[in-house]
Structures are given as C-alpha cells and as structure tokens.
Amino acid sequence: MTRILSIVIFASALVASFSACSEPQESASPGVASLDSEFDRGTLTIESDDGARHEFDIYLAIDVDQQHRGLMFVRKMPESTGMLFVYEHSEMHSMWMKNTYISLDIIFARADGTVSSVIHDTQPLSLTSQSSVEPVNYVLELNAGTARRLNIGRKSRIIWDPAND
C-alpha cells in the first residue's frame, strides 16, 4: 500500500511539474477582450504617407511578460484596434506569430515615431522572425491589410503620448 501511494504521489508531482512549464493556455474568449486583464489600454494616431490621420485603440505591451504574450490566442480584433510594443532602448527588434491566429501588419517605428519599415500580411502561427531593418523603439501590430488600406508606410508617423495613457 505504501509503495502504491508513493507511486501516485510521484506521478502527481511529475504531472504538476510538466504543467507548470507549459505555454499560456488559450483564453475562453477568443477576442481582444481576453487581453483586458493583462494590458493597459491607450490611443494613438498614425499620420499616414498622404498626411491623413487615423486613430487606433491600442493595448500597451510595456513589460517583458506582456511583450512575450502579445496577441497570442486572439482570433479576431476590431478594425481600429492594435497592440503597441514599447521598448526603452532603440534596438533591432523582431516578432513572430507563435500562437497568433490572425494575420497582422507589423509597423516598426523609431523613437520619434517615424516609421522605419512595415511588414504586411504576416502568416498566422509562423515561427519565422519578422525583424526591423534598423534599431527601433516601437512595434505596432494591426490587422493585416490595414497598412496598405490606410497608406501607412515609411513616410508615416506614430503619434503616441504615454502621459495621456
């Protein structure tokens, strides 16, 4: 009896240790509402290549845990919503689409908000790194097709005031 109890306790501990190392589980809510408890929200404006201004509601990925989570497990996102990754230091940054079920446009921006580069229509669930072409402080993820539709390119600028958010 003692031996069986020991085996059961050992097996339970083994299962618990494996589950502690697993990836974040998919939320029951597949939309961006699943992000509300983990991310602060804000707004930003993008001044596009043609000078038009477009406002977006954003989730702010400020700390490392938030930046690792990103838009994982989100299956739909409103057209005027995105996620802004904010980095303290200007560096080369790269993103991947692990556990990200929606195609995105990824906009890399310098410290002054000017757009460095745009990657269009990323492949959902891909492990391929999508990198900036130069050191940047911001990465903005929007629904795929948004950058082309709104003429967001290398002459564009992200306008975001952290003091207001």
N, C-alpha and C. Protein backbone atom coordinates (compact mmCIF):
# COMPACT_ATOMS: atom_id res chain seq x y z
N MET A 1 0.83 -1.20 0.00
CA MET A 1 0.00 0.00 0.00
C MET A 1 0.87 1.26 0.00
N THR A 2 1.93 1.26 0.82
CA THR A 2 2.83 2.41 0.89
C THR A 2 3.51 2.63 -0.46
N ARG A 3 3.89 1.56 -1.14
CA ARG A 3 4.55 1.67 -2.44
C ARG A 3 3.60 2.28 -3.47
N ILE A 4 2.34 1.86 -3.49
CA ILE A 4 1.35 2.39 -4.43
C ILE A 4 1.12 3.88 -4.15
N LEU A 5 1.02 4.25 -2.89
CA LEU A 5 0.84 5.64 -2.51
C LEU A 5 2.04 6.49 -2.95
N SER A 6 3.23 5.96 -2.81
CA SER A 6 4.45 6.66 -3.25
C SER A 6 4.44 6.87 -4.75
N ILE A 7 4.04 5.88 -5.50
CA ILE A 7 3.98 5.99 -6.96
C ILE A 7 2.95 7.03 -7.37
N VAL A 8 1.80 7.04 -6.73
CA VAL A 8 0.76 8.01 -7.04
C VAL A 8 1.25 9.42 -6.74
N ILE A 9 1.91 9.62 -5.60
CA ILE A 9 2.43 10.95 -5.24
C ILE A 9 3.49 11.38 -6.24
N PHE A 10 4.40 10.46 -6.62
CA PHE A 10 5.45 10.79 -7.58
C PHE A 10 4.83 11.17 -8.94
N ALA A 11 3.86 10.39 -9.41
CA ALA A 11 3.21 10.67 -10.70
C ALA A 11 2.50 12.02 -10.66
N SER A 12 1.84 12.32 -9.57
CA SER A 12 1.16 13.61 -9.43
C SER A 12 2.15 14.76 -9.47
N ALA A 13 3.27 14.62 -8.79
CA ALA A 13 4.30 15.66 -8.79
C ALA A 13 4.88 15.84 -10.18
N LEU A 14 5.09 14.75 -10.90
CA LEU A 14 5.62 14.81 -12.25
C LEU A 14 4.66 15.55 -13.19
N VAL A 15 3.39 15.23 -13.12
CA VAL A 15 2.38 15.91 -13.94
C VAL A 15 2.33 17.39 -13.60
N ALA A 16 2.36 17.73 -12.33
CA ALA A 16 2.32 19.13 -11.90
C ALA A 16 3.53 19.90 -12.41
N SER A 17 4.72 19.27 -12.39
CA SER A 17 5.92 19.97 -12.86
C SER A 17 5.86 20.21 -14.36
N PHE A 18 5.33 19.25 -15.14
CA PHE A 18 5.20 19.46 -16.58
C PHE A 18 4.18 20.54 -16.90
N SER A 19 3.09 20.58 -16.20
CA SER A 19 2.07 21.59 -16.48
C SER A 19 2.55 22.98 -16.09
N ALA A 20 3.43 23.10 -15.12
CA ALA A 20 3.97 24.40 -14.74
C ALA A 20 4.88 24.97 -15.82
N CYS A 21 5.43 24.11 -16.68
CA CYS A 21 6.34 24.55 -17.74
C CYS A 21 5.62 24.76 -19.07
N SER A 22 4.34 24.57 -19.12
CA SER A 22 3.62 24.66 -20.38
C SER A 22 3.40 26.11 -20.80
N GLU A 23 3.04 26.30 -22.06
CA GLU A 23 2.76 27.63 -22.59
C GLU A 23 1.46 28.15 -21.99
N PRO A 24 1.25 29.49 -22.09
CA PRO A 24 -0.02 30.03 -21.61
C PRO A 24 -1.18 29.35 -22.33
N GLN A 25 -2.22 29.09 -21.61
CA GLN A 25 -3.37 28.43 -22.20
C GLN A 25 -4.25 29.43 -22.94
N GLU A 26 -4.90 28.95 -23.97
CA GLU A 26 -5.79 29.79 -24.74
C GLU A 26 -6.96 30.21 -23.89
N SER A 27 -7.28 31.49 -23.95
CA SER A 27 -8.38 32.03 -23.17
C SER A 27 -9.71 31.53 -23.73
N ALA A 28 -10.70 31.46 -22.88
CA ALA A 28 -12.03 31.07 -23.33
C ALA A 28 -12.59 32.11 -24.28
N SER A 29 -12.13 33.36 -24.15
CA SER A 29 -12.59 34.43 -25.02
C SER A 29 -11.58 34.65 -26.13
N PRO A 30 -11.97 34.40 -27.39
CA PRO A 30 -11.00 34.46 -28.48
C PRO A 30 -10.70 35.87 -28.98
N GLY A 31 -11.41 36.87 -28.52
CA GLY A 31 -11.20 38.23 -29.00
C GLY A 31 -10.25 38.99 -28.11
N VAL A 32 -10.08 40.27 -28.40
CA VAL A 32 -9.15 41.10 -27.64
C VAL A 32 -9.60 41.31 -26.20
N ALA A 33 -10.85 41.07 -25.89
CA ALA A 33 -11.32 41.22 -24.50
C ALA A 33 -10.51 40.33 -23.57
N SER A 34 -9.94 39.24 -24.09
CA SER A 34 -9.11 38.35 -23.28
C SER A 34 -7.82 39.05 -22.85
N LEU A 35 -7.48 40.18 -23.45
CA LEU A 35 -6.26 40.92 -23.11
C LEU A 35 -6.48 41.95 -22.01
N ASP A 36 -7.73 42.28 -21.73
CA ASP A 36 -8.05 43.38 -20.83
C ASP A 36 -7.44 43.26 -19.44
N SER A 37 -7.28 42.07 -18.93
CA SER A 37 -6.74 41.92 -17.58
C SER A 37 -5.21 41.98 -17.55
N GLU A 38 -4.56 41.86 -18.69
CA GLU A 38 -3.10 41.81 -18.72
C GLU A 38 -2.43 43.06 -19.27
N PHE A 39 -3.19 43.90 -19.98
CA PHE A 39 -2.59 45.04 -20.67
C PHE A 39 -3.34 46.33 -20.35
N ASP A 40 -2.58 47.42 -20.20
CA ASP A 40 -3.20 48.74 -20.17
C ASP A 40 -3.61 49.09 -21.58
N ARG A 41 -4.52 50.06 -21.67
CA ARG A 41 -5.01 50.48 -22.99
C ARG A 41 -4.70 51.95 -23.20
N GLY A 42 -4.70 52.35 -24.45
CA GLY A 42 -4.46 53.73 -24.80
C GLY A 42 -4.96 54.01 -26.20
N THR A 43 -4.60 55.16 -26.69
CA THR A 43 -4.94 55.52 -28.07
C THR A 43 -3.69 56.11 -28.72
N LEU A 44 -3.61 55.96 -30.00
CA LEU A 44 -2.56 56.60 -30.77
C LEU A 44 -3.12 57.03 -32.11
N THR A 45 -2.39 57.92 -32.75
CA THR A 45 -2.75 58.40 -34.07
C THR A 45 -1.61 58.04 -35.02
N ILE A 46 -1.97 57.62 -36.20
CA ILE A 46 -0.97 57.42 -37.24
C ILE A 46 -1.22 58.46 -38.31
N GLU A 47 -0.18 59.22 -38.61
CA GLU A 47 -0.22 60.14 -39.74
C GLU A 47 0.36 59.36 -40.92
N SER A 48 -0.47 59.05 -41.89
CA SER A 48 -0.05 58.18 -42.99
C SER A 48 0.75 58.95 -44.04
N ASP A 49 1.25 58.22 -45.02
CA ASP A 49 2.10 58.80 -46.06
C ASP A 49 1.44 59.97 -46.78
N ASP A 50 0.12 59.94 -46.89
CA ASP A 50 -0.60 61.02 -47.59
C ASP A 50 -1.05 62.14 -46.65
N GLY A 51 -0.63 62.09 -45.37
CA GLY A 51 -0.96 63.13 -44.41
C GLY A 51 -2.26 62.91 -43.65
N ALA A 52 -3.04 61.91 -44.03
CA ALA A 52 -4.29 61.61 -43.32
C ALA A 52 -3.96 61.08 -41.92
N ARG A 53 -4.86 61.33 -40.97
CA ARG A 53 -4.66 60.85 -39.60
C ARG A 53 -5.69 59.78 -39.27
N HIS A 54 -5.22 58.74 -38.61
CA HIS A 54 -6.07 57.60 -38.26
C HIS A 54 -5.85 57.26 -36.80
N GLU A 55 -6.94 57.18 -36.03
CA GLU A 55 -6.84 56.90 -34.61
C GLU A 55 -7.09 55.42 -34.34
N PHE A 56 -6.31 54.87 -33.40
CA PHE A 56 -6.42 53.46 -33.02
C PHE A 56 -6.50 53.33 -31.51
N ASP A 57 -7.33 52.39 -31.07
CA ASP A 57 -7.33 51.95 -29.68
C ASP A 57 -6.25 50.89 -29.58
N ILE A 58 -5.38 51.01 -28.59
CA ILE A 58 -4.26 50.08 -28.52
C ILE A 58 -4.16 49.43 -27.15
N TYR A 59 -3.61 48.23 -27.17
CA TYR A 59 -3.15 47.56 -25.96
C TYR A 59 -1.66 47.86 -25.88
N LEU A 60 -1.17 48.13 -24.68
CA LEU A 60 0.23 48.51 -24.48
C LEU A 60 1.03 47.35 -23.93
N ALA A 61 2.01 46.90 -24.69
CA ALA A 61 2.93 45.84 -24.26
C ALA A 61 4.20 46.54 -23.79
N ILE A 62 4.27 46.78 -22.49
CA ILE A 62 5.36 47.56 -21.91
C ILE A 62 6.43 46.67 -21.29
N ASP A 63 6.01 45.71 -20.47
CA ASP A 63 7.00 44.87 -19.80
C ASP A 63 7.26 43.59 -20.59
N VAL A 64 8.30 42.88 -20.20
CA VAL A 64 8.76 41.70 -20.94
C VAL A 64 7.67 40.63 -21.02
N ASP A 65 6.95 40.38 -19.93
CA ASP A 65 5.89 39.36 -19.96
C ASP A 65 4.80 39.74 -20.96
N GLN A 66 4.42 41.00 -20.98
CA GLN A 66 3.41 41.46 -21.94
C GLN A 66 3.94 41.34 -23.37
N GLN A 67 5.19 41.67 -23.57
CA GLN A 67 5.77 41.59 -24.90
C GLN A 67 5.88 40.15 -25.38
N HIS A 68 6.12 39.22 -24.48
CA HIS A 68 6.15 37.81 -24.86
C HIS A 68 4.74 37.30 -25.18
N ARG A 69 3.74 37.79 -24.47
CA ARG A 69 2.34 37.37 -24.68
C ARG A 69 1.79 37.95 -25.98
N GLY A 70 1.98 39.25 -26.17
CA GLY A 70 1.49 39.90 -27.38
C GLY A 70 0.05 39.56 -27.70
N LEU A 71 -0.22 39.28 -28.93
CA LEU A 71 -1.59 38.96 -29.39
C LEU A 71 -1.82 37.45 -29.50
N MET A 72 -1.03 36.66 -28.75
CA MET A 72 -1.25 35.21 -28.77
C MET A 72 -2.69 34.88 -28.41
N PHE A 73 -3.23 33.92 -29.10
CA PHE A 73 -4.55 33.34 -28.88
C PHE A 73 -5.71 34.24 -29.29
N VAL A 74 -5.44 35.46 -29.73
CA VAL A 74 -6.51 36.34 -30.20
C VAL A 74 -6.94 35.85 -31.59
N ARG A 75 -8.22 35.65 -31.78
CA ARG A 75 -8.73 35.14 -33.05
C ARG A 75 -9.45 36.20 -33.88
N LYS A 76 -9.76 37.33 -33.26
CA LYS A 76 -10.35 38.44 -34.00
C LYS A 76 -10.07 39.73 -33.24
N MET A 77 -9.93 40.81 -34.02
CA MET A 77 -9.61 42.09 -33.42
C MET A 77 -10.35 43.17 -34.20
N PRO A 78 -10.99 44.12 -33.52
CA PRO A 78 -11.68 45.19 -34.23
C PRO A 78 -10.72 45.94 -35.17
N GLU A 79 -11.28 46.47 -36.22
CA GLU A 79 -10.50 47.13 -37.26
C GLU A 79 -9.64 48.27 -36.73
N SER A 80 -10.10 48.99 -35.75
CA SER A 80 -9.37 50.16 -35.25
C SER A 80 -8.61 49.86 -33.95
N THR A 81 -8.24 48.60 -33.76
CA THR A 81 -7.52 48.18 -32.56
C THR A 81 -6.17 47.60 -32.95
N GLY A 82 -5.19 47.75 -32.06
CA GLY A 82 -3.87 47.18 -32.29
C GLY A 82 -3.14 47.00 -30.99
N MET A 83 -1.88 46.60 -31.09
CA MET A 83 -1.03 46.47 -29.91
C MET A 83 0.27 47.21 -30.19
N LEU A 84 0.65 48.07 -29.24
CA LEU A 84 1.90 48.82 -29.34
C LEU A 84 2.91 48.24 -28.35
N PHE A 85 4.03 47.75 -28.88
CA PHE A 85 5.13 47.27 -28.07
C PHE A 85 6.07 48.45 -27.86
N VAL A 86 6.34 48.77 -26.61
CA VAL A 86 7.15 49.93 -26.27
C VAL A 86 8.45 49.44 -25.65
N TYR A 87 9.56 49.82 -26.28
CA TYR A 87 10.89 49.41 -25.80
C TYR A 87 11.66 50.63 -25.32
N GLU A 88 12.29 50.50 -24.16
CA GLU A 88 13.02 51.61 -23.57
C GLU A 88 14.22 52.01 -24.42
N HIS A 89 14.88 51.02 -24.99
CA HIS A 89 16.09 51.29 -25.77
C HIS A 89 15.85 51.01 -27.25
N SER A 90 16.46 51.83 -28.07
CA SER A 90 16.38 51.64 -29.52
C SER A 90 17.30 50.48 -29.90
N GLU A 91 16.68 49.39 -30.38
CA GLU A 91 17.42 48.18 -30.76
C GLU A 91 16.74 47.54 -31.96
N MET A 92 17.43 46.55 -32.52
CA MET A 92 16.80 45.72 -33.54
C MET A 92 15.77 44.85 -32.81
N HIS A 93 14.54 44.85 -33.28
CA HIS A 93 13.50 44.04 -32.66
C HIS A 93 12.90 43.12 -33.70
N SER A 94 12.50 41.94 -33.25
CA SER A 94 11.84 41.01 -34.16
C SER A 94 10.63 40.41 -33.46
N MET A 95 9.68 40.01 -34.27
CA MET A 95 8.42 39.46 -33.79
C MET A 95 8.21 38.11 -34.48
N TRP A 96 7.40 37.27 -33.87
CA TRP A 96 6.97 36.05 -34.52
C TRP A 96 5.49 35.88 -34.27
N MET A 97 4.90 34.92 -34.92
CA MET A 97 3.46 34.75 -34.88
C MET A 97 3.05 33.49 -34.10
N LYS A 98 3.92 33.03 -33.22
CA LYS A 98 3.61 31.83 -32.44
C LYS A 98 2.30 32.02 -31.69
N ASN A 99 1.39 31.07 -31.85
CA ASN A 99 0.07 31.09 -31.20
C ASN A 99 -0.74 32.34 -31.53
N THR A 100 -0.43 33.00 -32.63
CA THR A 100 -1.19 34.17 -33.07
C THR A 100 -2.02 33.72 -34.28
N TYR A 101 -3.33 33.77 -34.11
CA TYR A 101 -4.23 33.17 -35.09
C TYR A 101 -4.70 34.13 -36.17
N ILE A 102 -4.36 35.40 -36.05
CA ILE A 102 -4.78 36.37 -37.06
C ILE A 102 -3.56 36.92 -37.78
N SER A 103 -3.72 37.19 -39.05
CA SER A 103 -2.66 37.80 -39.83
C SER A 103 -2.54 39.27 -39.44
N LEU A 104 -1.31 39.76 -39.37
CA LEU A 104 -1.08 41.13 -38.91
C LEU A 104 -0.20 41.90 -39.88
N ASP A 105 -0.28 43.22 -39.80
CA ASP A 105 0.72 44.11 -40.36
C ASP A 105 1.57 44.54 -39.17
N ILE A 106 2.89 44.52 -39.34
CA ILE A 106 3.80 44.90 -38.27
C ILE A 106 4.53 46.17 -38.70
N ILE A 107 4.39 47.21 -37.89
CA ILE A 107 4.97 48.52 -38.20
C ILE A 107 6.07 48.81 -37.18
N PHE A 108 7.28 48.99 -37.66
CA PHE A 108 8.43 49.29 -36.81
C PHE A 108 8.67 50.80 -36.86
N ALA A 109 8.83 51.44 -35.69
CA ALA A 109 9.00 52.89 -35.65
C ALA A 109 10.14 53.30 -34.73
N ARG A 110 10.79 54.37 -35.13
CA ARG A 110 11.91 54.94 -34.37
C ARG A 110 11.38 55.65 -33.12
N ALA A 111 12.31 56.13 -32.28
CA ALA A 111 11.96 56.80 -31.03
C ALA A 111 11.08 58.02 -31.27
N ASP A 112 11.24 58.72 -32.41
CA ASP A 112 10.43 59.90 -32.70
C ASP A 112 9.09 59.56 -33.35
N GLY A 113 8.80 58.26 -33.50
CA GLY A 113 7.53 57.82 -34.07
C GLY A 113 7.54 57.63 -35.58
N THR A 114 8.60 58.06 -36.25
CA THR A 114 8.64 57.88 -37.71
C THR A 114 8.79 56.40 -38.03
N VAL A 115 8.10 55.98 -39.08
CA VAL A 115 8.08 54.57 -39.45
C VAL A 115 9.37 54.19 -40.16
N SER A 116 9.98 53.14 -39.68
CA SER A 116 11.20 52.60 -40.26
C SER A 116 10.88 51.59 -41.37
N SER A 117 9.94 50.69 -41.07
CA SER A 117 9.57 49.66 -42.05
C SER A 117 8.22 49.07 -41.67
N VAL A 118 7.61 48.41 -42.65
CA VAL A 118 6.31 47.76 -42.46
C VAL A 118 6.40 46.36 -43.06
N ILE A 119 5.93 45.38 -42.32
CA ILE A 119 5.79 44.02 -42.84
C ILE A 119 4.30 43.77 -42.96
N HIS A 120 3.88 43.43 -44.17
CA HIS A 120 2.46 43.25 -44.47
C HIS A 120 2.05 41.77 -44.39
N ASP A 121 0.83 41.54 -43.93
CA ASP A 121 0.17 40.24 -44.04
C ASP A 121 1.00 39.07 -43.51
N THR A 122 1.38 39.12 -42.25
CA THR A 122 2.15 38.02 -41.67
C THR A 122 1.35 36.73 -41.68
N GLN A 123 2.07 35.64 -41.65
CA GLN A 123 1.46 34.31 -41.66
C GLN A 123 1.11 33.88 -40.24
N PRO A 124 -0.18 33.66 -39.94
CA PRO A 124 -0.55 33.21 -38.59
C PRO A 124 0.19 31.93 -38.20
N LEU A 125 0.54 31.84 -36.93
CA LEU A 125 1.17 30.68 -36.30
C LEU A 125 2.61 30.41 -36.76
N SER A 126 3.17 31.29 -37.57
CA SER A 126 4.53 31.10 -38.08
C SER A 126 5.57 31.35 -36.98
N LEU A 127 6.65 30.59 -37.02
CA LEU A 127 7.76 30.79 -36.10
C LEU A 127 8.90 31.58 -36.76
N THR A 128 8.67 32.05 -37.97
CA THR A 128 9.66 32.85 -38.68
C THR A 128 9.73 34.24 -38.06
N SER A 129 10.94 34.71 -37.75
CA SER A 129 11.11 36.04 -37.18
C SER A 129 10.88 37.11 -38.23
N GLN A 130 10.15 38.15 -37.83
CA GLN A 130 9.91 39.32 -38.68
C GLN A 130 10.66 40.46 -38.00
N SER A 131 11.73 40.96 -38.60
CA SER A 131 12.64 41.88 -37.93
C SER A 131 12.59 43.29 -38.48
N SER A 132 12.95 44.22 -37.60
CA SER A 132 13.12 45.61 -38.02
C SER A 132 14.38 45.69 -38.89
N VAL A 133 14.45 46.71 -39.73
CA VAL A 133 15.61 46.89 -40.60
C VAL A 133 16.65 47.80 -39.97
N GLU A 134 16.30 48.40 -38.83
CA GLU A 134 17.21 49.27 -38.10
C GLU A 134 16.73 49.31 -36.65
N PRO A 135 17.52 49.86 -35.74
CA PRO A 135 17.07 49.95 -34.35
C PRO A 135 15.79 50.80 -34.23
N VAL A 136 14.83 50.29 -33.45
CA VAL A 136 13.54 50.97 -33.25
C VAL A 136 13.15 50.90 -31.78
N ASN A 137 12.21 51.76 -31.40
CA ASN A 137 11.67 51.77 -30.03
C ASN A 137 10.24 51.26 -29.96
N TYR A 138 9.56 51.23 -31.11
CA TYR A 138 8.15 50.86 -31.11
C TYR A 138 7.87 49.83 -32.20
N VAL A 139 6.97 48.92 -31.87
CA VAL A 139 6.44 47.99 -32.85
C VAL A 139 4.92 48.02 -32.68
N LEU A 140 4.22 48.29 -33.77
CA LEU A 140 2.76 48.35 -33.74
C LEU A 140 2.21 47.22 -34.59
N GLU A 141 1.34 46.42 -33.99
CA GLU A 141 0.67 45.34 -34.72
C GLU A 141 -0.78 45.73 -34.97
N LEU A 142 -1.16 45.67 -36.24
CA LEU A 142 -2.53 45.97 -36.67
C LEU A 142 -3.05 44.80 -37.50
N ASN A 143 -4.34 44.73 -37.68
CA ASN A 143 -4.92 43.71 -38.55
C ASN A 143 -4.29 43.78 -39.93
N ALA A 144 -4.05 42.62 -40.53
CA ALA A 144 -3.48 42.55 -41.87
C ALA A 144 -4.33 43.35 -42.85
N GLY A 145 -3.66 44.06 -43.72
CA GLY A 145 -4.33 44.86 -44.73
C GLY A 145 -4.53 46.31 -44.33
N THR A 146 -4.42 46.61 -43.04
CA THR A 146 -4.65 47.97 -42.55
C THR A 146 -3.61 48.94 -43.08
N ALA A 147 -2.35 48.55 -43.07
CA ALA A 147 -1.28 49.45 -43.52
C ALA A 147 -1.47 49.84 -44.99
N ARG A 148 -1.78 48.89 -45.83
CA ARG A 148 -2.00 49.22 -47.26
C ARG A 148 -3.26 50.07 -47.43
N ARG A 149 -4.33 49.69 -46.76
CA ARG A 149 -5.60 50.39 -46.90
C ARG A 149 -5.50 51.85 -46.46
N LEU A 150 -4.71 52.11 -45.40
CA LEU A 150 -4.60 53.47 -44.87
C LEU A 150 -3.34 54.20 -45.34
N ASN A 151 -2.60 53.56 -46.26
CA ASN A 151 -1.39 54.17 -46.82
C ASN A 151 -0.33 54.44 -45.74
N ILE A 152 -0.14 53.46 -44.86
CA ILE A 152 0.88 53.56 -43.82
C ILE A 152 2.17 52.96 -44.36
N GLY A 153 3.19 53.80 -44.44
CA GLY A 153 4.47 53.36 -44.98
C GLY A 153 5.61 54.12 -44.35
N ARG A 154 6.72 54.21 -45.06
CA ARG A 154 7.95 54.79 -44.50
C ARG A 154 7.89 56.31 -44.33
N LYS A 155 6.87 56.95 -44.88
CA LYS A 155 6.70 58.40 -44.65
C LYS A 155 5.69 58.67 -43.54
N SER A 156 5.22 57.62 -42.90
CA SER A 156 4.20 57.75 -41.85
C SER A 156 4.85 57.98 -40.49
N ARG A 157 3.99 58.36 -39.54
CA ARG A 157 4.48 58.63 -38.18
C ARG A 157 3.43 58.19 -37.17
N ILE A 158 3.90 57.53 -36.12
CA ILE A 158 3.05 57.15 -34.99
C ILE A 158 3.09 58.29 -33.99
N ILE A 159 1.93 58.76 -33.58
CA ILE A 159 1.84 59.83 -32.59
C ILE A 159 1.19 59.22 -31.36
N TRP A 160 1.99 59.09 -30.29
CA TRP A 160 1.51 58.49 -29.05
C TRP A 160 2.14 59.22 -27.88
N ASP A 161 1.32 59.63 -26.95
CA ASP A 161 1.80 60.34 -25.77
C ASP A 161 1.53 59.47 -24.55
N PRO A 162 2.57 58.83 -24.00
CA PRO A 162 2.36 57.96 -22.84
C PRO A 162 1.78 58.69 -21.63
N ALA A 163 1.96 59.98 -21.55
CA ALA A 163 1.41 60.74 -20.42
C ALA A 163 -0.12 60.77 -20.46
N ASN A 164 -0.68 60.61 -21.64
CA ASN A 164 -2.14 60.61 -21.77
C ASN A 164 -2.76 59.25 -21.59
N ASP A 165 -1.95 58.20 -21.54
CA ASP A 165 -2.48 56.84 -21.41
C ASP A 165 -2.14 56.24 -20.07
